[in-house]
């Protein structure tokens, strides 16, 4: 599979609003061996992501594009590009970001995804979970 890295593309999927206190969310990063944008994300964001408020709301799970397709992904959206960031709620895909937009834009774009999914109240601030377990 060709390694194609895109930036600044958000694919908006139908919004899934969190309604319960026990919402389980995660961020899947689809990566590929040799992907320069994947390595850049790991260097610039990945080290601190688990400690960030966004990382506490949606813990990261890295998946190689050559491996098995994670369950719960939108079947109409193939995986062709790395990195691809997929926001999951209760095991279902709710939003997707294609490519790494850089360290200044990644968190704001992720917060918009979290806001659209109903996980946070305001995408313009540091992420604070809308529903507290």
N, C-alpha and C. Protein backbone atom coordinates (compact mmCIF):
# COMPACT_ATOMS: atom_id res chain seq x y z
N UNK A 1 0.85 -1.18 0.00
CA UNK A 1 0.00 0.00 0.00
C UNK A 1 0.89 1.23 0.00
N UNK A 2 0.53 2.20 -0.79
CA UNK A 2 1.31 3.42 -0.89
C UNK A 2 1.16 4.26 0.37
N UNK A 3 2.25 4.83 0.80
CA UNK A 3 2.23 5.70 1.98
C UNK A 3 1.87 7.10 1.53
N UNK A 4 0.65 7.52 1.78
CA UNK A 4 0.19 8.86 1.42
C UNK A 4 -0.19 9.57 2.70
N UNK A 5 0.42 10.73 2.93
CA UNK A 5 0.13 11.49 4.14
C UNK A 5 -0.56 12.78 3.74
N UNK A 6 -1.77 12.98 4.21
CA UNK A 6 -2.53 14.19 3.93
C UNK A 6 -2.54 15.07 5.16
N UNK A 7 -2.78 16.36 4.96
CA UNK A 7 -2.92 17.26 6.09
C UNK A 7 -4.16 18.11 5.92
N UNK A 8 -4.67 18.57 7.04
CA UNK A 8 -5.77 19.52 7.12
C UNK A 8 -7.06 19.07 6.47
N UNK A 9 -7.39 17.81 6.57
CA UNK A 9 -8.66 17.32 6.04
C UNK A 9 -9.43 16.68 7.18
N UNK A 10 -10.60 17.21 7.47
CA UNK A 10 -11.48 16.57 8.45
C UNK A 10 -12.67 16.02 7.70
N UNK A 11 -12.98 14.78 7.96
CA UNK A 11 -14.18 14.18 7.38
C UNK A 11 -15.23 14.16 8.47
N UNK A 12 -16.32 14.84 8.24
CA UNK A 12 -17.38 14.91 9.25
C UNK A 12 -18.35 13.77 9.01
N UNK A 13 -18.49 12.94 10.02
CA UNK A 13 -19.44 11.84 9.98
C UNK A 13 -20.65 12.23 10.80
N UNK A 14 -21.74 11.53 10.69
CA UNK A 14 -22.91 11.87 11.49
C UNK A 14 -22.54 11.95 12.98
N UNK A 15 -23.03 12.98 13.61
CA UNK A 15 -22.69 13.23 15.00
C UNK A 15 -23.35 12.22 15.92
N UNK A 16 -22.59 11.77 16.89
CA UNK A 16 -23.08 10.85 17.91
C UNK A 16 -22.98 11.60 19.23
N UNK A 17 -24.07 11.90 19.84
CA UNK A 17 -24.05 12.67 21.07
C UNK A 17 -23.96 11.75 22.27
N UNK A 18 -23.00 12.05 23.13
CA UNK A 18 -22.83 11.29 24.36
C UNK A 18 -24.00 11.62 25.29
N UNK A 19 -24.64 10.58 25.82
CA UNK A 19 -25.79 10.82 26.67
C UNK A 19 -25.68 10.16 28.03
N UNK A 20 -24.69 9.34 28.24
CA UNK A 20 -24.57 8.64 29.52
C UNK A 20 -23.29 9.04 30.21
N UNK A 21 -23.27 8.87 31.52
CA UNK A 21 -22.09 9.21 32.29
C UNK A 21 -20.95 8.23 32.06
N UNK A 22 -21.24 7.04 31.59
CA UNK A 22 -20.20 6.03 31.43
C UNK A 22 -19.75 5.88 29.97
N UNK A 23 -19.75 6.97 29.23
CA UNK A 23 -19.31 6.96 27.84
C UNK A 23 -17.84 6.57 27.78
N UNK A 24 -17.51 5.61 26.92
CA UNK A 24 -16.13 5.21 26.73
C UNK A 24 -15.67 5.73 25.38
N UNK A 25 -14.66 6.57 25.41
CA UNK A 25 -14.15 7.14 24.16
C UNK A 25 -12.67 6.83 24.02
N UNK A 26 -12.22 6.78 22.76
CA UNK A 26 -10.80 6.58 22.48
C UNK A 26 -10.48 7.22 21.14
N UNK A 27 -9.20 7.48 20.94
CA UNK A 27 -8.71 8.00 19.67
C UNK A 27 -7.82 6.92 19.07
N UNK A 28 -8.19 6.46 17.89
CA UNK A 28 -7.37 5.49 17.18
C UNK A 28 -6.51 6.26 16.18
N UNK A 29 -5.21 5.99 16.21
CA UNK A 29 -4.30 6.55 15.20
C UNK A 29 -3.90 5.42 14.27
N UNK A 30 -4.27 5.54 13.01
CA UNK A 30 -3.87 4.56 12.01
C UNK A 30 -2.55 5.05 11.42
N UNK A 31 -1.53 4.22 11.57
CA UNK A 31 -0.18 4.58 11.15
C UNK A 31 0.34 3.58 10.14
N UNK A 32 1.52 3.86 9.60
CA UNK A 32 2.16 2.96 8.64
C UNK A 32 3.66 3.07 8.82
N UNK A 33 4.34 1.95 8.71
CA UNK A 33 5.80 1.96 8.79
C UNK A 33 6.36 2.91 7.74
N UNK A 34 7.28 3.78 8.15
CA UNK A 34 7.91 4.71 7.23
C UNK A 34 7.14 5.99 6.97
N UNK A 35 6.00 6.17 7.60
CA UNK A 35 5.19 7.38 7.40
C UNK A 35 5.84 8.55 8.14
N UNK A 36 6.34 9.51 7.40
CA UNK A 36 7.04 10.64 8.02
C UNK A 36 6.11 11.50 8.87
N UNK A 37 4.87 11.65 8.47
CA UNK A 37 3.93 12.45 9.26
C UNK A 37 3.52 11.72 10.54
N UNK A 38 3.49 10.40 10.49
CA UNK A 38 3.22 9.62 11.71
C UNK A 38 4.35 9.84 12.71
N UNK A 39 5.58 9.75 12.23
CA UNK A 39 6.74 9.95 13.10
C UNK A 39 6.77 11.37 13.65
N UNK A 40 6.42 12.35 12.84
CA UNK A 40 6.38 13.74 13.29
C UNK A 40 5.32 13.91 14.37
N UNK A 41 4.13 13.30 14.20
CA UNK A 41 3.08 13.38 15.21
C UNK A 41 3.57 12.78 16.52
N UNK A 42 4.22 11.61 16.44
CA UNK A 42 4.72 10.96 17.65
C UNK A 42 5.72 11.87 18.36
N UNK A 43 6.59 12.50 17.61
CA UNK A 43 7.61 13.39 18.19
C UNK A 43 6.99 14.65 18.79
N UNK A 44 6.06 15.28 18.07
CA UNK A 44 5.51 16.57 18.51
C UNK A 44 4.33 16.44 19.47
N UNK A 45 3.50 15.44 19.31
CA UNK A 45 2.26 15.33 20.08
C UNK A 45 2.23 14.06 20.92
N UNK A 46 2.63 12.96 20.33
CA UNK A 46 2.45 11.64 20.93
C UNK A 46 3.02 11.47 22.32
N UNK A 47 4.18 12.06 22.57
CA UNK A 47 4.82 11.91 23.88
C UNK A 47 3.94 12.50 24.98
N UNK A 48 3.35 13.65 24.74
CA UNK A 48 2.54 14.31 25.76
C UNK A 48 1.06 14.02 25.70
N UNK A 49 0.61 13.36 24.63
CA UNK A 49 -0.83 13.15 24.46
C UNK A 49 -1.50 12.45 25.65
N UNK A 50 -0.93 11.39 26.21
CA UNK A 50 -1.61 10.73 27.34
C UNK A 50 -1.79 11.64 28.56
N UNK A 51 -0.94 12.66 28.70
CA UNK A 51 -1.03 13.58 29.83
C UNK A 51 -1.95 14.76 29.56
N UNK A 52 -2.36 14.94 28.32
CA UNK A 52 -3.22 16.07 27.95
C UNK A 52 -4.66 15.80 28.38
N UNK A 53 -5.45 16.87 28.48
CA UNK A 53 -6.86 16.68 28.82
C UNK A 53 -7.57 15.88 27.72
N UNK A 54 -7.19 16.11 26.47
CA UNK A 54 -7.79 15.35 25.37
C UNK A 54 -7.43 13.87 25.47
N UNK A 55 -6.19 13.60 25.86
CA UNK A 55 -5.73 12.22 26.02
C UNK A 55 -6.41 11.50 27.16
N UNK A 56 -6.82 12.24 28.18
CA UNK A 56 -7.55 11.61 29.28
C UNK A 56 -9.00 11.33 28.86
N UNK A 57 -9.55 12.17 28.01
CA UNK A 57 -10.92 11.96 27.53
C UNK A 57 -10.97 10.85 26.49
N UNK A 58 -10.01 10.84 25.57
CA UNK A 58 -9.98 9.83 24.50
C UNK A 58 -8.57 9.24 24.43
N UNK A 59 -8.29 8.23 25.25
CA UNK A 59 -6.96 7.60 25.22
C UNK A 59 -6.61 7.09 23.82
N UNK A 60 -5.33 7.08 23.53
CA UNK A 60 -4.84 6.72 22.21
C UNK A 60 -4.63 5.22 22.07
N UNK A 61 -5.03 4.71 20.91
CA UNK A 61 -4.70 3.34 20.51
C UNK A 61 -4.13 3.42 19.10
N UNK A 62 -2.88 2.99 18.93
CA UNK A 62 -2.23 3.02 17.62
C UNK A 62 -2.46 1.70 16.91
N UNK A 63 -2.80 1.80 15.61
CA UNK A 63 -3.10 0.63 14.79
C UNK A 63 -2.35 0.78 13.48
N UNK A 64 -1.68 -0.28 13.04
CA UNK A 64 -0.98 -0.24 11.76
C UNK A 64 -1.97 -0.50 10.63
N UNK A 65 -1.87 0.30 9.57
CA UNK A 65 -2.80 0.19 8.44
C UNK A 65 -2.72 -1.18 7.77
N UNK A 66 -1.57 -1.86 7.89
CA UNK A 66 -1.40 -3.18 7.28
C UNK A 66 -2.01 -4.29 8.13
N UNK A 67 -2.39 -3.97 9.37
CA UNK A 67 -2.95 -4.97 10.27
C UNK A 67 -4.46 -5.09 10.11
N UNK A 68 -5.08 -5.86 10.99
CA UNK A 68 -6.54 -6.02 10.94
C UNK A 68 -7.25 -4.68 11.17
N UNK A 69 -8.34 -4.50 10.48
CA UNK A 69 -9.15 -3.29 10.62
C UNK A 69 -9.86 -3.32 11.98
N UNK A 70 -9.72 -2.25 12.77
CA UNK A 70 -10.41 -2.23 14.07
C UNK A 70 -11.93 -2.33 13.90
N UNK A 71 -12.58 -3.01 14.82
CA UNK A 71 -14.03 -3.10 14.74
C UNK A 71 -14.65 -1.77 15.11
N UNK A 72 -15.85 -1.52 14.60
CA UNK A 72 -16.59 -0.31 14.92
C UNK A 72 -16.35 0.84 13.96
N UNK A 73 -15.44 0.66 12.98
CA UNK A 73 -15.20 1.74 12.02
C UNK A 73 -16.32 1.80 11.00
N UNK A 74 -16.54 2.97 10.45
CA UNK A 74 -17.52 3.18 9.40
C UNK A 74 -17.09 2.37 8.18
N UNK A 75 -17.88 1.41 7.79
CA UNK A 75 -17.55 0.52 6.67
C UNK A 75 -17.48 1.27 5.33
N UNK A 76 -18.15 2.41 5.24
CA UNK A 76 -18.15 3.19 4.00
C UNK A 76 -16.90 4.05 3.84
N UNK A 77 -16.05 4.09 4.86
CA UNK A 77 -14.85 4.92 4.84
C UNK A 77 -13.62 4.02 4.89
N UNK A 78 -13.00 3.76 3.74
CA UNK A 78 -11.81 2.91 3.75
C UNK A 78 -10.62 3.61 4.41
N UNK A 79 -9.65 2.82 4.80
CA UNK A 79 -8.41 3.35 5.36
C UNK A 79 -7.35 3.34 4.26
N UNK A 80 -7.01 4.54 3.78
CA UNK A 80 -5.99 4.66 2.73
C UNK A 80 -4.82 5.54 3.15
N UNK A 81 -5.03 6.44 4.08
CA UNK A 81 -4.05 7.47 4.38
C UNK A 81 -3.53 7.36 5.81
N UNK A 82 -2.25 7.69 5.97
CA UNK A 82 -1.68 7.71 7.31
C UNK A 82 -1.00 9.05 7.55
N UNK A 83 -1.08 9.57 8.74
CA UNK A 83 -1.92 9.06 9.81
C UNK A 83 -3.38 9.42 9.59
N UNK A 84 -4.26 8.58 10.10
CA UNK A 84 -5.69 8.87 10.20
C UNK A 84 -6.04 8.75 11.67
N UNK A 85 -6.73 9.77 12.19
CA UNK A 85 -7.15 9.78 13.59
C UNK A 85 -8.65 9.58 13.64
N UNK A 86 -9.10 8.55 14.35
CA UNK A 86 -10.51 8.18 14.38
C UNK A 86 -11.00 8.28 15.82
N UNK A 87 -12.00 9.13 16.04
CA UNK A 87 -12.60 9.27 17.35
C UNK A 87 -13.70 8.23 17.49
N UNK A 88 -13.58 7.42 18.53
CA UNK A 88 -14.53 6.34 18.79
C UNK A 88 -15.28 6.63 20.08
N UNK A 89 -16.57 6.35 20.09
CA UNK A 89 -17.37 6.43 21.31
C UNK A 89 -18.15 5.13 21.43
N UNK A 90 -18.00 4.49 22.57
CA UNK A 90 -18.67 3.21 22.83
C UNK A 90 -18.46 2.22 21.69
N UNK A 91 -17.22 2.18 21.16
CA UNK A 91 -16.86 1.21 20.14
C UNK A 91 -17.30 1.53 18.74
N UNK A 92 -17.81 2.75 18.50
CA UNK A 92 -18.28 3.15 17.17
C UNK A 92 -17.56 4.41 16.71
N UNK A 93 -17.20 4.45 15.44
CA UNK A 93 -16.57 5.64 14.87
C UNK A 93 -17.56 6.79 14.81
N UNK A 94 -17.13 7.97 15.28
CA UNK A 94 -18.00 9.14 15.23
C UNK A 94 -17.40 10.28 14.42
N UNK A 95 -16.08 10.30 14.25
CA UNK A 95 -15.45 11.37 13.47
C UNK A 95 -14.05 10.93 13.09
N UNK A 96 -13.50 11.60 12.08
CA UNK A 96 -12.22 11.19 11.53
C UNK A 96 -11.44 12.40 11.06
N UNK A 97 -10.14 12.38 11.30
CA UNK A 97 -9.21 13.42 10.83
C UNK A 97 -8.16 12.73 9.98
N UNK A 98 -8.08 13.13 8.71
CA UNK A 98 -7.08 12.55 7.81
C UNK A 98 -5.84 13.42 7.84
N UNK A 99 -4.72 12.82 8.11
CA UNK A 99 -3.45 13.54 8.09
C UNK A 99 -3.13 14.22 9.40
N UNK A 100 -1.91 14.69 9.49
CA UNK A 100 -1.44 15.42 10.66
C UNK A 100 -1.31 16.89 10.27
N UNK A 101 -2.14 17.76 10.85
CA UNK A 101 -2.14 19.17 10.46
C UNK A 101 -1.04 20.01 11.11
N UNK A 102 -0.19 19.40 11.92
CA UNK A 102 0.88 20.12 12.60
C UNK A 102 0.55 20.37 14.05
N UNK A 103 1.58 20.68 14.82
CA UNK A 103 1.41 20.79 16.27
C UNK A 103 0.53 21.96 16.70
N UNK A 104 0.39 22.98 15.89
CA UNK A 104 -0.46 24.12 16.27
C UNK A 104 -1.93 23.89 15.96
N UNK A 105 -2.23 22.94 15.10
CA UNK A 105 -3.62 22.74 14.68
C UNK A 105 -4.22 21.41 15.15
N UNK A 106 -3.37 20.45 15.55
CA UNK A 106 -3.90 19.14 15.91
C UNK A 106 -4.91 19.21 17.05
N UNK A 107 -4.52 19.80 18.19
CA UNK A 107 -5.43 19.84 19.34
C UNK A 107 -6.71 20.63 19.05
N UNK A 108 -6.63 21.81 18.42
CA UNK A 108 -7.88 22.51 18.11
C UNK A 108 -8.82 21.68 17.21
N UNK A 109 -8.25 20.98 16.24
CA UNK A 109 -9.08 20.16 15.36
C UNK A 109 -9.66 18.96 16.11
N UNK A 110 -8.87 18.37 16.99
CA UNK A 110 -9.37 17.25 17.81
C UNK A 110 -10.48 17.72 18.74
N UNK A 111 -10.32 18.92 19.32
CA UNK A 111 -11.38 19.44 20.21
C UNK A 111 -12.67 19.68 19.44
N UNK A 112 -12.59 20.11 18.19
CA UNK A 112 -13.81 20.27 17.38
C UNK A 112 -14.48 18.91 17.19
N UNK A 113 -13.70 17.89 16.93
CA UNK A 113 -14.26 16.54 16.79
C UNK A 113 -14.94 16.11 18.09
N UNK A 114 -14.28 16.36 19.21
CA UNK A 114 -14.84 15.99 20.52
C UNK A 114 -16.11 16.77 20.82
N UNK A 115 -16.13 18.02 20.45
CA UNK A 115 -17.31 18.87 20.65
C UNK A 115 -18.47 18.37 19.79
N UNK A 116 -18.20 18.09 18.52
CA UNK A 116 -19.26 17.57 17.63
C UNK A 116 -19.82 16.25 18.14
N UNK A 117 -18.96 15.46 18.79
CA UNK A 117 -19.40 14.17 19.32
C UNK A 117 -20.09 14.30 20.67
N UNK A 118 -20.12 15.50 21.23
CA UNK A 118 -20.79 15.71 22.50
C UNK A 118 -19.93 15.38 23.72
N UNK A 119 -18.63 15.22 23.54
CA UNK A 119 -17.74 14.88 24.65
C UNK A 119 -17.32 16.10 25.47
N UNK A 120 -17.24 17.26 24.83
CA UNK A 120 -16.83 18.48 25.53
C UNK A 120 -17.82 19.60 25.21
N UNK A 121 -17.84 20.60 26.09
CA UNK A 121 -18.77 21.72 25.92
C UNK A 121 -18.29 22.79 24.97
N UNK A 122 -16.98 23.04 24.95
CA UNK A 122 -16.46 24.19 24.19
C UNK A 122 -15.16 23.80 23.51
N UNK A 123 -15.11 23.80 22.18
CA UNK A 123 -13.88 23.39 21.48
C UNK A 123 -12.79 24.45 21.52
N UNK A 124 -13.10 25.66 21.98
CA UNK A 124 -12.09 26.72 21.98
C UNK A 124 -11.24 26.74 23.24
N UNK A 125 -11.55 25.88 24.21
CA UNK A 125 -10.80 25.83 25.46
C UNK A 125 -10.14 24.46 25.60
N UNK A 126 -9.30 24.36 26.61
CA UNK A 126 -8.75 23.04 26.93
C UNK A 126 -9.91 22.09 27.19
N UNK A 127 -9.78 20.88 26.70
CA UNK A 127 -10.89 19.94 26.79
C UNK A 127 -11.22 19.58 28.23
N UNK A 128 -12.48 19.67 28.56
CA UNK A 128 -13.01 19.24 29.85
C UNK A 128 -14.18 18.33 29.56
N UNK A 129 -14.14 17.12 30.09
CA UNK A 129 -15.19 16.15 29.79
C UNK A 129 -16.56 16.70 30.15
N UNK A 130 -17.47 16.62 29.20
CA UNK A 130 -18.83 17.10 29.39
C UNK A 130 -19.57 16.24 30.41
N UNK A 131 -19.35 14.97 30.34
CA UNK A 131 -20.00 14.03 31.25
C UNK A 131 -18.94 13.39 32.12
N UNK A 132 -19.10 13.46 33.40
CA UNK A 132 -18.11 12.93 34.32
C UNK A 132 -18.57 11.58 34.85
N UNK A 133 -17.76 10.54 34.62
CA UNK A 133 -18.14 9.21 35.13
C UNK A 133 -18.08 9.15 36.64
